């Protein structure tokens, strides 16, 4: 049960537990930055016009074929 909870998914994307933790943390920070940029853009449309979209595209590229 413990192995399944902590190791099954990281292994499915060819990562160890801590490597996956680091990647997921980086991913979360990028999502936070995209959220902030989109929120500022919603209030002040002249700022961060493509920032959130660019971050989402980058995240998609980094995760699209992981583990295949």
Protein backbone atom coordinates (compact mmCIF):
# COMPACT_ATOMS: atom_id res chain seq x y z
CA UNK A 1 0.00 0.00 0.00
CA UNK A 2 2.78 2.46 0.94
CA UNK A 3 4.70 1.68 -2.23
CA UNK A 4 1.61 2.25 -4.33
CA UNK A 5 0.85 5.56 -2.62
CA UNK A 6 4.34 7.03 -2.89
CA UNK A 7 6.18 5.29 -5.70
CA UNK A 8 3.75 4.00 -8.29
CA UNK A 9 3.05 7.29 -10.06
CA UNK A 10 6.61 8.68 -9.98
CA UNK A 11 7.84 5.40 -11.49
CA UNK A 12 5.21 5.67 -14.24
CA UNK A 13 6.92 8.87 -15.42
CA UNK A 14 10.44 7.47 -14.95
CA UNK A 15 11.24 9.46 -11.82
CA UNK A 16 12.15 8.74 -8.25
CA UNK A 17 10.05 10.04 -5.36
CA UNK A 18 12.17 13.13 -4.63
CA UNK A 19 12.75 13.87 -8.31
CA UNK A 20 8.98 13.81 -8.83
CA UNK A 21 8.46 15.98 -5.75
CA UNK A 22 10.86 18.58 -7.15
CA UNK A 23 9.17 18.56 -10.57
CA UNK A 24 5.68 18.79 -9.07
CA UNK A 25 6.79 21.68 -6.84
CA UNK A 26 8.29 23.52 -9.82
CA UNK A 27 5.07 22.88 -11.74
CA UNK A 28 2.97 24.28 -8.87
CA UNK A 29 5.11 27.44 -8.71
CA UNK A 30 4.72 27.96 -12.47
CA UNK A 31 0.95 27.52 -12.14
CA UNK A 32 0.95 30.07 -9.32
CA UNK A 33 2.85 32.53 -11.51
CA UNK A 34 0.36 31.96 -14.35
CA UNK A 35 -2.52 32.50 -11.93
CA UNK A 36 -1.06 35.76 -10.68
CA UNK A 37 -0.34 37.01 -14.21
CA UNK A 38 -3.90 36.15 -15.32
CA UNK A 39 -5.40 37.88 -12.29
CA UNK A 40 -3.38 41.05 -12.88
CA UNK A 41 -4.26 40.89 -16.57
CA UNK A 42 -7.96 40.63 -15.69
CA UNK A 43 -7.75 43.90 -13.78
CA UNK A 44 -5.19 45.69 -15.97
CA UNK A 45 -5.45 44.21 -19.48
CA UNK A 46 -2.34 46.01 -20.72
CA UNK A 47 -0.15 43.89 -18.43
CA UNK A 48 0.87 40.24 -18.90
CA UNK A 49 -1.03 39.86 -22.16
CA UNK A 50 0.48 36.48 -23.04
CA UNK A 51 2.29 35.48 -19.86
CA UNK A 52 -0.26 32.98 -18.53
CA UNK A 53 -0.72 31.42 -21.98
CA UNK A 54 3.03 31.08 -22.46
CA UNK A 55 3.45 29.43 -19.06
CA UNK A 56 0.62 26.98 -19.76
CA UNK A 57 2.16 26.13 -23.15
CA UNK A 58 5.54 25.54 -21.48
CA UNK A 59 3.97 23.26 -18.86
CA UNK A 60 2.15 21.30 -21.55
CA UNK A 61 5.38 20.81 -23.51
CA UNK A 62 7.20 19.62 -20.38
CA UNK A 63 4.49 17.13 -19.39
CA UNK A 64 2.84 16.00 -22.64
CA UNK A 65 4.74 12.77 -23.27
CA UNK A 66 6.22 12.00 -19.86
CA UNK A 67 6.41 8.31 -19.11
CA UNK A 68 5.78 7.19 -22.71
